[in-house]
Amino acid sequence: MPMSAASIAAQRPAGADEDVHFPEELVAEILAEYTAPGDRVLDPFAGFGTTLVVAERMARRAVGVELLDERVRLIRARLTGDAQVVNGDTRHLAAVVTGPFDLCLTSPPYMASADPENPLTAYETLDAHYGKYLAEIGDVFRQVVDLLRPGGHLVINVANIKVGDAFTPLAWDMARVVAAHIPLSHEVFLCWDEQPEELTGDYCLIFTKP
């Protein structure tokens, strides 16, 4: 699937401190493929709200979870309909949202294997360990699977990372830990016109709940 660096830059929300991770065009394609109007969509790592904004525009009922107060405020300012964003810790997902959902579409915060900054605290603490990160990500998606309806889909955008000479097979490791809870159906490789810095391979991993 082709991806444009210009789209990412152009879609940076006013007041945002960095670019969105994936463009609205990607969200629209995934929603069109795996949902219908009126379906419920979950993004447990809402970020700047791209999934919620596009889902709302396409008449899907969207719910997001975001840890950072300032991003929750930014997302709410972008929404115009009935999409919702909850200010909370995704590690306790089952306590803050109620299913069932037809689709979960998200991009978790990335971690390079040797980085001490903890992605699951919005990189604000230095207590990260790659094995623990993967275990906690696996548990988040275990909760997501419980919230999906039978036949529902989970789509995770995640990349492998190379920082200097250190390679982290994050996409492959995440596929492994999530597949312990839900079958992996297939993957889609995202082809960038300008490869994002430190990403060696960018994927959408597609899982389907039996």
N, C-alpha and C. Protein backbone atom coordinates (compact mmCIF):
# COMPACT_ATOMS: atom_id res chain seq x y z
N MET A 1 0.85 -1.19 0.00
CA MET A 1 0.00 0.00 0.00
C MET A 1 0.89 1.24 0.00
N PRO A 2 0.71 2.18 -0.95
CA PRO A 2 1.55 3.38 -1.00
C PRO A 2 1.20 4.36 0.11
N MET A 3 2.24 5.02 0.65
CA MET A 3 2.09 5.99 1.72
C MET A 3 2.87 7.25 1.35
N SER A 4 2.28 8.41 1.61
CA SER A 4 2.89 9.68 1.23
C SER A 4 3.36 10.44 2.46
N ALA A 5 4.63 10.79 2.47
CA ALA A 5 5.16 11.62 3.55
C ALA A 5 4.51 12.99 3.56
N ALA A 6 4.14 13.50 2.38
CA ALA A 6 3.48 14.81 2.31
C ALA A 6 2.13 14.78 3.01
N SER A 7 1.40 13.66 2.91
CA SER A 7 0.10 13.56 3.59
C SER A 7 0.27 13.63 5.09
N ILE A 8 1.28 12.94 5.60
CA ILE A 8 1.55 12.97 7.04
C ILE A 8 1.82 14.40 7.51
N ALA A 9 2.66 15.11 6.78
CA ALA A 9 3.01 16.47 7.17
C ALA A 9 1.80 17.40 7.06
N ALA A 10 1.00 17.24 6.00
CA ALA A 10 -0.14 18.12 5.78
C ALA A 10 -1.25 17.91 6.80
N GLN A 11 -1.32 16.70 7.36
CA GLN A 11 -2.41 16.38 8.28
C GLN A 11 -2.04 16.57 9.74
N ARG A 12 -0.89 17.16 10.00
CA ARG A 12 -0.52 17.46 11.38
C ARG A 12 -1.52 18.44 11.98
N PRO A 13 -2.20 18.07 13.08
CA PRO A 13 -3.23 18.95 13.63
C PRO A 13 -2.63 20.24 14.19
N ALA A 14 -3.41 21.31 14.14
CA ALA A 14 -2.99 22.57 14.74
C ALA A 14 -2.75 22.36 16.23
N GLY A 15 -1.60 22.81 16.71
CA GLY A 15 -1.26 22.66 18.12
C GLY A 15 -0.54 21.37 18.45
N ALA A 16 -0.38 20.47 17.46
CA ALA A 16 0.32 19.21 17.71
C ALA A 16 1.82 19.43 17.77
N ASP A 17 2.51 18.62 18.60
CA ASP A 17 3.95 18.76 18.75
C ASP A 17 4.74 17.82 17.85
N GLU A 18 4.04 16.99 17.05
CA GLU A 18 4.68 16.10 16.09
C GLU A 18 3.65 15.69 15.06
N ASP A 19 4.10 15.02 13.99
CA ASP A 19 3.18 14.59 12.95
C ASP A 19 2.31 13.43 13.44
N VAL A 20 1.16 13.27 12.77
CA VAL A 20 0.36 12.06 13.00
C VAL A 20 1.17 10.86 12.52
N HIS A 21 0.82 9.68 13.02
CA HIS A 21 1.61 8.51 12.64
C HIS A 21 1.17 7.91 11.31
N PHE A 22 -0.14 7.85 11.08
CA PHE A 22 -0.61 7.33 9.80
C PHE A 22 -1.63 8.31 9.20
N PRO A 23 -1.72 8.38 7.87
CA PRO A 23 -2.59 9.36 7.24
C PRO A 23 -4.06 8.94 7.24
N GLU A 24 -4.92 9.90 7.06
CA GLU A 24 -6.35 9.63 7.03
C GLU A 24 -6.72 8.68 5.90
N GLU A 25 -5.99 8.73 4.79
CA GLU A 25 -6.30 7.84 3.66
C GLU A 25 -6.17 6.38 4.05
N LEU A 26 -5.18 6.05 4.87
CA LEU A 26 -5.01 4.67 5.33
C LEU A 26 -6.18 4.26 6.21
N VAL A 27 -6.57 5.13 7.13
CA VAL A 27 -7.70 4.82 8.01
C VAL A 27 -8.96 4.60 7.19
N ALA A 28 -9.20 5.45 6.21
CA ALA A 28 -10.41 5.33 5.39
C ALA A 28 -10.44 4.00 4.64
N GLU A 29 -9.30 3.56 4.11
CA GLU A 29 -9.26 2.28 3.41
C GLU A 29 -9.57 1.12 4.35
N ILE A 30 -9.01 1.15 5.54
CA ILE A 30 -9.23 0.07 6.50
C ILE A 30 -10.68 0.06 6.98
N LEU A 31 -11.23 1.22 7.25
CA LEU A 31 -12.64 1.28 7.67
C LEU A 31 -13.57 0.79 6.57
N ALA A 32 -13.29 1.15 5.33
CA ALA A 32 -14.12 0.70 4.22
C ALA A 32 -14.04 -0.82 4.04
N GLU A 33 -12.87 -1.39 4.31
CA GLU A 33 -12.68 -2.83 4.12
C GLU A 33 -13.32 -3.64 5.23
N TYR A 34 -13.25 -3.17 6.47
CA TYR A 34 -13.61 -4.03 7.60
C TYR A 34 -14.83 -3.58 8.40
N THR A 35 -15.45 -2.46 8.03
CA THR A 35 -16.62 -1.99 8.76
C THR A 35 -17.68 -1.46 7.81
N ALA A 36 -18.87 -1.23 8.38
CA ALA A 36 -19.98 -0.60 7.67
C ALA A 36 -20.48 0.56 8.51
N PRO A 37 -21.23 1.49 7.91
CA PRO A 37 -21.79 2.59 8.71
C PRO A 37 -22.55 2.07 9.92
N GLY A 38 -22.31 2.73 11.05
CA GLY A 38 -22.94 2.32 12.30
C GLY A 38 -22.12 1.37 13.13
N ASP A 39 -21.08 0.77 12.55
CA ASP A 39 -20.21 -0.15 13.31
C ASP A 39 -19.40 0.63 14.35
N ARG A 40 -18.99 -0.11 15.38
CA ARG A 40 -18.20 0.49 16.46
C ARG A 40 -16.71 0.25 16.22
N VAL A 41 -15.91 1.31 16.38
CA VAL A 41 -14.47 1.27 16.13
C VAL A 41 -13.74 1.75 17.38
N LEU A 42 -12.68 1.04 17.74
CA LEU A 42 -11.88 1.35 18.92
C LEU A 42 -10.45 1.69 18.52
N ASP A 43 -9.90 2.74 19.13
CA ASP A 43 -8.47 3.03 19.04
C ASP A 43 -7.94 3.21 20.46
N PRO A 44 -7.27 2.19 21.00
CA PRO A 44 -6.79 2.27 22.38
C PRO A 44 -5.55 3.14 22.57
N PHE A 45 -4.91 3.56 21.48
CA PHE A 45 -3.77 4.50 21.54
C PHE A 45 -4.12 5.65 20.60
N ALA A 46 -5.00 6.54 21.04
CA ALA A 46 -5.67 7.47 20.12
C ALA A 46 -4.74 8.53 19.54
N GLY A 47 -3.65 8.89 20.25
CA GLY A 47 -2.70 9.84 19.68
C GLY A 47 -3.32 11.20 19.42
N PHE A 48 -3.35 11.58 18.13
CA PHE A 48 -3.97 12.85 17.74
C PHE A 48 -5.39 12.65 17.21
N GLY A 49 -5.91 11.45 17.29
CA GLY A 49 -7.31 11.21 16.97
C GLY A 49 -7.63 10.91 15.53
N THR A 50 -6.63 10.54 14.72
CA THR A 50 -6.88 10.31 13.30
C THR A 50 -7.95 9.25 13.08
N THR A 51 -7.86 8.12 13.78
CA THR A 51 -8.86 7.06 13.62
C THR A 51 -10.25 7.58 13.96
N LEU A 52 -10.37 8.33 15.04
CA LEU A 52 -11.67 8.81 15.49
C LEU A 52 -12.26 9.82 14.51
N VAL A 53 -11.43 10.73 14.03
CA VAL A 53 -11.90 11.76 13.10
C VAL A 53 -12.43 11.13 11.82
N VAL A 54 -11.68 10.19 11.25
CA VAL A 54 -12.11 9.56 9.99
C VAL A 54 -13.32 8.66 10.23
N ALA A 55 -13.33 7.92 11.31
CA ALA A 55 -14.47 7.06 11.61
C ALA A 55 -15.75 7.88 11.76
N GLU A 56 -15.66 9.00 12.45
CA GLU A 56 -16.81 9.88 12.61
C GLU A 56 -17.30 10.38 11.25
N ARG A 57 -16.37 10.78 10.39
CA ARG A 57 -16.70 11.28 9.06
C ARG A 57 -17.40 10.20 8.22
N MET A 58 -17.03 8.93 8.45
CA MET A 58 -17.60 7.82 7.68
C MET A 58 -18.77 7.15 8.39
N ALA A 59 -19.32 7.82 9.39
CA ALA A 59 -20.54 7.36 10.08
C ALA A 59 -20.34 6.07 10.85
N ARG A 60 -19.12 5.87 11.34
CA ARG A 60 -18.86 4.79 12.30
C ARG A 60 -18.89 5.40 13.71
N ARG A 61 -19.17 4.56 14.69
CA ARG A 61 -19.21 5.02 16.09
C ARG A 61 -17.86 4.69 16.72
N ALA A 62 -17.09 5.71 17.03
CA ALA A 62 -15.70 5.52 17.43
C ALA A 62 -15.47 5.89 18.88
N VAL A 63 -14.58 5.12 19.52
CA VAL A 63 -14.14 5.38 20.89
C VAL A 63 -12.62 5.27 20.92
N GLY A 64 -11.97 6.24 21.54
CA GLY A 64 -10.52 6.19 21.69
C GLY A 64 -10.12 6.34 23.14
N VAL A 65 -8.92 5.88 23.44
CA VAL A 65 -8.32 6.05 24.77
C VAL A 65 -6.97 6.72 24.57
N GLU A 66 -6.71 7.76 25.37
CA GLU A 66 -5.45 8.49 25.26
C GLU A 66 -4.97 8.87 26.66
N LEU A 67 -3.68 8.66 26.91
CA LEU A 67 -3.10 8.90 28.23
C LEU A 67 -2.86 10.37 28.52
N LEU A 68 -2.40 11.14 27.52
CA LEU A 68 -1.97 12.52 27.75
C LEU A 68 -3.16 13.48 27.73
N ASP A 69 -3.27 14.28 28.78
CA ASP A 69 -4.37 15.23 28.90
C ASP A 69 -4.43 16.18 27.71
N GLU A 70 -3.26 16.71 27.31
CA GLU A 70 -3.26 17.70 26.25
C GLU A 70 -3.70 17.13 24.91
N ARG A 71 -3.40 15.84 24.69
CA ARG A 71 -3.86 15.23 23.44
C ARG A 71 -5.35 14.92 23.49
N VAL A 72 -5.86 14.58 24.65
CA VAL A 72 -7.31 14.38 24.78
C VAL A 72 -8.03 15.69 24.43
N ARG A 73 -7.52 16.79 24.93
CA ARG A 73 -8.14 18.09 24.61
C ARG A 73 -8.06 18.38 23.12
N LEU A 74 -6.92 18.08 22.52
CA LEU A 74 -6.75 18.31 21.08
C LEU A 74 -7.73 17.45 20.28
N ILE A 75 -7.85 16.17 20.65
CA ILE A 75 -8.77 15.29 19.94
C ILE A 75 -10.20 15.80 20.05
N ARG A 76 -10.61 16.16 21.25
CA ARG A 76 -11.99 16.63 21.44
C ARG A 76 -12.28 17.87 20.61
N ALA A 77 -11.27 18.71 20.42
CA ALA A 77 -11.45 19.90 19.59
C ALA A 77 -11.60 19.53 18.12
N ARG A 78 -11.08 18.37 17.72
CA ARG A 78 -11.17 17.94 16.32
C ARG A 78 -12.48 17.23 16.00
N LEU A 79 -13.15 16.69 17.01
CA LEU A 79 -14.37 15.92 16.79
C LEU A 79 -15.58 16.83 16.69
N THR A 80 -16.51 16.45 15.82
CA THR A 80 -17.71 17.25 15.61
C THR A 80 -19.00 16.45 15.79
N GLY A 81 -18.88 15.14 15.97
CA GLY A 81 -20.06 14.29 16.08
C GLY A 81 -20.09 13.54 17.39
N ASP A 82 -20.39 12.22 17.31
CA ASP A 82 -20.57 11.44 18.54
C ASP A 82 -19.38 10.56 18.88
N ALA A 83 -18.25 10.71 18.19
CA ALA A 83 -17.05 9.98 18.59
C ALA A 83 -16.62 10.43 19.98
N GLN A 84 -16.01 9.51 20.73
CA GLN A 84 -15.64 9.78 22.11
C GLN A 84 -14.17 9.45 22.33
N VAL A 85 -13.52 10.23 23.19
CA VAL A 85 -12.17 9.90 23.63
C VAL A 85 -12.15 9.91 25.15
N VAL A 86 -11.54 8.87 25.71
CA VAL A 86 -11.44 8.70 27.16
C VAL A 86 -10.01 8.99 27.58
N ASN A 87 -9.86 9.77 28.63
CA ASN A 87 -8.53 10.04 29.19
C ASN A 87 -8.20 8.91 30.16
N GLY A 88 -7.28 8.02 29.77
CA GLY A 88 -7.00 6.89 30.64
C GLY A 88 -5.78 6.11 30.19
N ASP A 89 -5.39 5.14 31.01
CA ASP A 89 -4.24 4.27 30.76
C ASP A 89 -4.73 3.01 30.05
N THR A 90 -4.27 2.82 28.83
CA THR A 90 -4.73 1.69 28.02
C THR A 90 -4.39 0.35 28.65
N ARG A 91 -3.42 0.32 29.55
CA ARG A 91 -3.11 -0.95 30.22
C ARG A 91 -4.28 -1.43 31.06
N HIS A 92 -5.23 -0.54 31.35
CA HIS A 92 -6.44 -0.90 32.09
C HIS A 92 -7.66 -0.71 31.19
N LEU A 93 -7.52 -1.11 29.94
CA LEU A 93 -8.53 -0.84 28.91
C LEU A 93 -9.92 -1.33 29.30
N ALA A 94 -10.00 -2.55 29.82
CA ALA A 94 -11.31 -3.14 30.12
C ALA A 94 -12.08 -2.35 31.16
N ALA A 95 -11.37 -1.53 31.95
CA ALA A 95 -12.03 -0.74 32.98
C ALA A 95 -12.52 0.61 32.47
N VAL A 96 -12.10 1.01 31.26
CA VAL A 96 -12.45 2.36 30.80
C VAL A 96 -13.33 2.38 29.56
N VAL A 97 -13.46 1.26 28.83
CA VAL A 97 -14.37 1.20 27.67
C VAL A 97 -15.20 -0.06 27.75
N THR A 98 -16.31 -0.03 27.03
CA THR A 98 -17.25 -1.16 27.01
C THR A 98 -17.47 -1.61 25.57
N GLY A 99 -17.37 -2.91 25.33
CA GLY A 99 -17.61 -3.46 24.01
C GLY A 99 -19.08 -3.76 23.78
N PRO A 100 -19.38 -4.47 22.70
CA PRO A 100 -18.43 -5.00 21.73
C PRO A 100 -18.09 -3.99 20.64
N PHE A 101 -16.92 -4.21 20.00
CA PHE A 101 -16.49 -3.41 18.87
C PHE A 101 -16.36 -4.31 17.64
N ASP A 102 -16.57 -3.70 16.47
CA ASP A 102 -16.42 -4.42 15.21
C ASP A 102 -14.99 -4.39 14.70
N LEU A 103 -14.27 -3.32 15.04
CA LEU A 103 -12.89 -3.14 14.58
C LEU A 103 -12.10 -2.39 15.63
N CYS A 104 -10.87 -2.81 15.83
CA CYS A 104 -9.88 -2.02 16.55
C CYS A 104 -8.79 -1.66 15.56
N LEU A 105 -8.56 -0.36 15.38
CA LEU A 105 -7.50 0.13 14.51
C LEU A 105 -6.62 1.07 15.31
N THR A 106 -5.33 0.76 15.39
CA THR A 106 -4.45 1.55 16.25
C THR A 106 -3.00 1.42 15.83
N SER A 107 -2.18 2.30 16.36
CA SER A 107 -0.73 2.21 16.24
C SER A 107 -0.14 2.44 17.61
N PRO A 108 0.35 1.40 18.28
CA PRO A 108 0.88 1.58 19.64
C PRO A 108 2.15 2.42 19.64
N PRO A 109 2.49 3.02 20.76
CA PRO A 109 3.76 3.75 20.85
C PRO A 109 4.93 2.78 20.71
N TYR A 110 5.91 3.15 19.91
CA TYR A 110 7.01 2.26 19.58
C TYR A 110 8.09 2.28 20.65
N MET A 111 8.83 1.17 20.71
CA MET A 111 9.99 1.10 21.60
C MET A 111 11.15 0.42 20.89
N ALA A 112 12.30 1.08 20.87
CA ALA A 112 13.54 0.42 20.46
C ALA A 112 14.05 -0.39 21.64
N SER A 113 14.65 -1.54 21.36
CA SER A 113 14.94 -2.52 22.41
C SER A 113 15.85 -2.00 23.51
N ALA A 114 16.73 -1.04 23.22
CA ALA A 114 17.67 -0.56 24.23
C ALA A 114 17.28 0.80 24.82
N ASP A 115 16.12 1.31 24.47
CA ASP A 115 15.71 2.64 24.91
C ASP A 115 15.13 2.58 26.33
N PRO A 116 15.59 3.39 27.27
CA PRO A 116 15.06 3.36 28.63
C PRO A 116 13.73 4.08 28.80
N GLU A 117 13.32 4.92 27.81
CA GLU A 117 12.06 5.66 27.94
C GLU A 117 10.88 4.72 27.72
N ASN A 118 9.91 4.81 28.62
CA ASN A 118 8.79 3.87 28.61
C ASN A 118 7.67 4.37 27.69
N PRO A 119 7.39 3.69 26.58
CA PRO A 119 6.33 4.13 25.68
C PRO A 119 4.95 4.16 26.34
N LEU A 120 4.72 3.28 27.30
CA LEU A 120 3.39 3.15 27.88
C LEU A 120 3.13 4.16 29.00
N THR A 121 4.12 5.00 29.30
CA THR A 121 3.90 6.17 30.15
C THR A 121 4.11 7.45 29.33
N ALA A 122 3.90 7.34 28.02
CA ALA A 122 4.11 8.45 27.09
C ALA A 122 5.56 8.92 27.11
N TYR A 123 6.50 7.98 27.31
CA TYR A 123 7.95 8.25 27.31
C TYR A 123 8.36 9.20 28.43
N GLU A 124 7.57 9.27 29.48
CA GLU A 124 7.85 10.21 30.56
C GLU A 124 8.61 9.60 31.73
N THR A 125 8.82 8.28 31.72
CA THR A 125 9.61 7.62 32.76
C THR A 125 10.72 6.80 32.10
N LEU A 126 11.77 6.50 32.88
CA LEU A 126 12.94 5.79 32.35
C LEU A 126 13.01 4.37 32.89
N ASP A 127 11.87 3.71 32.98
CA ASP A 127 11.80 2.37 33.55
C ASP A 127 11.46 1.31 32.51
N ALA A 128 11.77 1.58 31.24
CA ALA A 128 11.38 0.67 30.18
C ALA A 128 12.30 -0.54 30.11
N HIS A 129 11.70 -1.69 29.80
CA HIS A 129 12.43 -2.92 29.48
C HIS A 129 11.68 -3.56 28.32
N TYR A 130 12.36 -3.92 27.26
CA TYR A 130 11.69 -4.36 26.04
C TYR A 130 10.79 -5.57 26.29
N GLY A 131 11.28 -6.53 27.07
CA GLY A 131 10.47 -7.71 27.35
C GLY A 131 9.19 -7.35 28.11
N LYS A 132 9.31 -6.44 29.08
CA LYS A 132 8.13 -6.01 29.83
C LYS A 132 7.17 -5.24 28.94
N TYR A 133 7.72 -4.39 28.09
CA TYR A 133 6.90 -3.64 27.14
C TYR A 133 6.07 -4.59 26.28
N LEU A 134 6.71 -5.61 25.72
CA LEU A 134 5.99 -6.56 24.88
C LEU A 134 4.92 -7.30 25.67
N ALA A 135 5.24 -7.67 26.92
CA ALA A 135 4.25 -8.36 27.75
C ALA A 135 3.04 -7.46 28.02
N GLU A 136 3.30 -6.18 28.29
CA GLU A 136 2.19 -5.26 28.57
C GLU A 136 1.38 -4.97 27.31
N ILE A 137 2.06 -4.83 26.18
CA ILE A 137 1.35 -4.65 24.91
C ILE A 137 0.48 -5.88 24.63
N GLY A 138 1.03 -7.07 24.86
CA GLY A 138 0.25 -8.28 24.67
C GLY A 138 -0.99 -8.29 25.53
N ASP A 139 -0.87 -7.81 26.77
CA ASP A 139 -2.03 -7.79 27.65
C ASP A 139 -3.05 -6.75 27.22
N VAL A 140 -2.60 -5.60 26.70
CA VAL A 140 -3.54 -4.62 26.15
C VAL A 140 -4.38 -5.26 25.05
N PHE A 141 -3.71 -5.97 24.15
CA PHE A 141 -4.46 -6.55 23.03
C PHE A 141 -5.26 -7.78 23.45
N ARG A 142 -4.89 -8.43 24.52
CA ARG A 142 -5.77 -9.46 25.09
C ARG A 142 -7.10 -8.84 25.50
N GLN A 143 -7.02 -7.65 26.11
CA GLN A 143 -8.24 -6.95 26.50
C GLN A 143 -9.03 -6.49 25.27
N VAL A 144 -8.31 -6.04 24.23
CA VAL A 144 -8.98 -5.67 22.99
C VAL A 144 -9.76 -6.84 22.42
N VAL A 145 -9.14 -8.02 22.39
CA VAL A 145 -9.80 -9.20 21.84
C VAL A 145 -11.08 -9.51 22.60
N ASP A 146 -11.04 -9.37 23.92
CA ASP A 146 -12.25 -9.59 24.71
C ASP A 146 -13.35 -8.61 24.35
N LEU A 147 -12.97 -7.41 23.88
CA LEU A 147 -13.95 -6.38 23.54
C LEU A 147 -14.45 -6.47 22.10
N LEU A 148 -13.80 -7.29 21.26
CA LEU A 148 -14.23 -7.46 19.88
C LEU A 148 -15.39 -8.45 19.78
N ARG A 149 -16.28 -8.18 18.86
CA ARG A 149 -17.33 -9.17 18.58
C ARG A 149 -16.71 -10.35 17.83
N PRO A 150 -17.34 -11.53 17.88
CA PRO A 150 -16.86 -12.63 17.04
C PRO A 150 -16.87 -12.23 15.56
N GLY A 151 -15.78 -12.52 14.88
CA GLY A 151 -15.64 -12.10 13.49
C GLY A 151 -15.09 -10.69 13.33
N GLY A 152 -14.88 -9.98 14.45
CA GLY A 152 -14.33 -8.63 14.39
C GLY A 152 -12.85 -8.65 14.07
N HIS A 153 -12.32 -7.50 13.70
CA HIS A 153 -10.94 -7.39 13.25
C HIS A 153 -10.13 -6.46 14.14
N LEU A 154 -8.85 -6.77 14.23
CA LEU A 154 -7.85 -5.94 14.88
C LEU A 154 -6.78 -5.61 13.85
N VAL A 155 -6.54 -4.32 13.63
CA VAL A 155 -5.52 -3.87 12.68
C VAL A 155 -4.52 -3.02 13.45
N ILE A 156 -3.27 -3.45 13.45
CA ILE A 156 -2.20 -2.76 14.16
C ILE A 156 -1.19 -2.24 13.15
N ASN A 157 -0.96 -0.93 13.16
CA ASN A 157 0.12 -0.35 12.37
C ASN A 157 1.38 -0.30 13.23
N VAL A 158 2.43 -0.99 12.80
CA VAL A 158 3.66 -1.09 13.59
C VAL A 158 4.82 -1.32 12.63
N ALA A 159 6.00 -0.83 13.02
CA ALA A 159 7.17 -0.91 12.15
C ALA A 159 8.34 -1.55 12.88
N ASN A 160 9.25 -2.12 12.11
CA ASN A 160 10.57 -2.48 12.62
C ASN A 160 11.43 -1.21 12.67
N ILE A 161 12.38 -1.19 13.60
CA ILE A 161 13.12 0.04 13.90
C ILE A 161 14.62 -0.23 13.82
N LYS A 162 15.37 0.74 13.29
CA LYS A 162 16.82 0.70 13.37
C LYS A 162 17.33 2.05 13.84
N VAL A 163 17.97 2.05 15.00
CA VAL A 163 18.55 3.27 15.57
C VAL A 163 20.06 3.06 15.61
N GLY A 164 20.78 3.82 14.80
CA GLY A 164 22.21 3.55 14.66
C GLY A 164 22.42 2.16 14.08
N ASP A 165 23.19 1.34 14.78
CA ASP A 165 23.40 -0.04 14.32
C ASP A 165 22.47 -1.04 14.99
N ALA A 166 21.59 -0.55 15.86
CA ALA A 166 20.72 -1.44 16.65
C ALA A 166 19.38 -1.63 15.95
N PHE A 167 19.09 -2.88 15.59
CA PHE A 167 17.84 -3.22 14.91
C PHE A 167 16.87 -3.83 15.91
N THR A 168 15.63 -3.36 15.92
CA THR A 168 14.58 -3.91 16.78
C THR A 168 13.46 -4.43 15.89
N PRO A 169 13.21 -5.75 15.88
CA PRO A 169 12.15 -6.31 15.04
C PRO A 169 10.77 -6.14 15.69
N LEU A 170 10.40 -4.88 15.93
CA LEU A 170 9.20 -4.59 16.71
C LEU A 170 7.94 -5.15 16.05
N ALA A 171 7.81 -4.97 14.74
CA ALA A 171 6.60 -5.47 14.08
C ALA A 171 6.47 -6.98 14.22
N TRP A 172 7.58 -7.68 14.06
CA TRP A 172 7.54 -9.13 14.15
C TRP A 172 7.30 -9.60 15.58
N ASP A 173 7.93 -8.91 16.55
CA ASP A 173 7.71 -9.27 17.95
C ASP A 173 6.28 -8.98 18.37
N MET A 174 5.72 -7.86 17.90
CA MET A 174 4.34 -7.55 18.26
C MET A 174 3.37 -8.54 17.63
N ALA A 175 3.64 -8.93 16.41
CA ALA A 175 2.80 -9.96 15.77
C ALA A 175 2.78 -11.23 16.61
N ARG A 176 3.94 -11.60 17.13
CA ARG A 176 4.04 -12.83 17.92
C ARG A 176 3.25 -12.74 19.22
N VAL A 177 3.38 -11.63 19.96
CA VAL A 177 2.72 -11.56 21.26
C VAL A 177 1.21 -11.38 21.11
N VAL A 178 0.78 -10.67 20.06
CA VAL A 178 -0.66 -10.49 19.87
C VAL A 178 -1.30 -11.77 19.34
N ALA A 179 -0.58 -12.50 18.50
CA ALA A 179 -1.12 -13.75 17.95
C ALA A 179 -1.34 -14.81 19.02
N ALA A 180 -0.82 -14.61 20.22
CA ALA A 180 -1.12 -15.52 21.31
C ALA A 180 -2.58 -15.40 21.75
N HIS A 181 -3.25 -14.30 21.34
CA HIS A 181 -4.62 -14.04 21.78
C HIS A 181 -5.64 -14.03 20.65
N ILE A 182 -5.18 -13.87 19.41
CA ILE A 182 -6.09 -13.76 18.26
C ILE A 182 -5.31 -14.16 17.01
N PRO A 183 -5.93 -14.92 16.09
CA PRO A 183 -5.19 -15.37 14.91
C PRO A 183 -4.77 -14.21 14.00
N LEU A 184 -3.54 -14.27 13.53
CA LEU A 184 -3.04 -13.33 12.54
C LEU A 184 -3.51 -13.79 11.16
N SER A 185 -4.27 -12.93 10.48
CA SER A 185 -4.81 -13.28 9.16
C SER A 185 -3.79 -13.03 8.06
N HIS A 186 -3.23 -11.83 8.04
CA HIS A 186 -2.22 -11.46 7.04
C HIS A 186 -1.61 -10.13 7.42
N GLU A 187 -0.63 -9.71 6.62
CA GLU A 187 -0.01 -8.41 6.84
C GLU A 187 -0.01 -7.62 5.54
N VAL A 188 -0.01 -6.30 5.67
CA VAL A 188 0.11 -5.40 4.52
C VAL A 188 1.36 -4.56 4.72
N PHE A 189 2.22 -4.54 3.72
CA PHE A 189 3.44 -3.74 3.79
C PHE A 189 3.14 -2.35 3.27
N LEU A 190 3.52 -1.32 4.04
CA LEU A 190 3.28 0.06 3.66
C LEU A 190 4.51 0.62 2.97
N CYS A 191 4.34 1.03 1.73
CA CYS A 191 5.46 1.52 0.91
C CYS A 191 5.46 3.04 0.91
N TRP A 192 6.44 3.63 1.58
CA TRP A 192 6.55 5.08 1.68
C TRP A 192 7.29 5.66 0.47
N ASP A 193 6.83 6.84 0.01
CA ASP A 193 7.59 7.52 -1.05
C ASP A 193 8.89 8.10 -0.49
N GLU A 194 8.88 8.45 0.81
CA GLU A 194 10.08 8.86 1.53
C GLU A 194 10.10 8.09 2.84
N GLN A 195 11.02 7.17 2.99
CA GLN A 195 11.03 6.29 4.16
C GLN A 195 11.20 7.10 5.45
N PRO A 196 10.29 6.95 6.42
CA PRO A 196 10.44 7.66 7.69
C PRO A 196 11.73 7.28 8.40
N GLU A 197 12.30 8.26 9.07
CA GLU A 197 13.56 8.04 9.77
C GLU A 197 13.42 6.93 10.80
N GLU A 198 14.40 6.03 10.82
CA GLU A 198 14.53 4.94 11.78
C GLU A 198 13.54 3.79 11.57
N LEU A 199 12.67 3.84 10.56
CA LEU A 199 11.77 2.73 10.26
C LEU A 199 12.34 1.93 9.10
N THR A 200 12.50 0.61 9.30
CA THR A 200 13.05 -0.22 8.22
C THR A 200 11.97 -1.00 7.49
N GLY A 201 10.82 -1.12 8.06
CA GLY A 201 9.70 -1.81 7.43
C GLY A 201 8.44 -1.46 8.19
N ASP A 202 7.41 -0.99 7.50
CA ASP A 202 6.18 -0.51 8.14
C ASP A 202 5.03 -1.40 7.69
N TYR A 203 4.24 -1.87 8.64
CA TYR A 203 3.21 -2.87 8.35
C TYR A 203 1.87 -2.50 8.96
N CYS A 204 0.81 -3.03 8.36
CA CYS A 204 -0.46 -3.21 9.05
C CYS A 204 -0.63 -4.71 9.26
N LEU A 205 -0.74 -5.10 10.52
CA LEU A 205 -0.97 -6.50 10.88
C LEU A 205 -2.47 -6.69 11.07
N ILE A 206 -3.04 -7.68 10.38
CA ILE A 206 -4.49 -7.89 10.37
C ILE A 206 -4.81 -9.18 11.14
N PHE A 207 -5.58 -9.05 12.19
CA PHE A 207 -6.00 -10.19 13.01
C PHE A 207 -7.53 -10.30 12.95
N THR A 208 -8.05 -11.52 13.02
CA THR A 208 -9.49 -11.73 12.97
C THR A 208 -9.92 -12.63 14.12
N LYS A 209 -10.91 -12.18 14.89
CA LYS A 209 -11.40 -12.98 16.01
C LYS A 209 -12.31 -14.09 15.49
N PRO A 210 -12.06 -15.33 15.86
CA PRO A 210 -12.92 -16.43 15.38
C PRO A 210 -14.38 -16.23 15.78
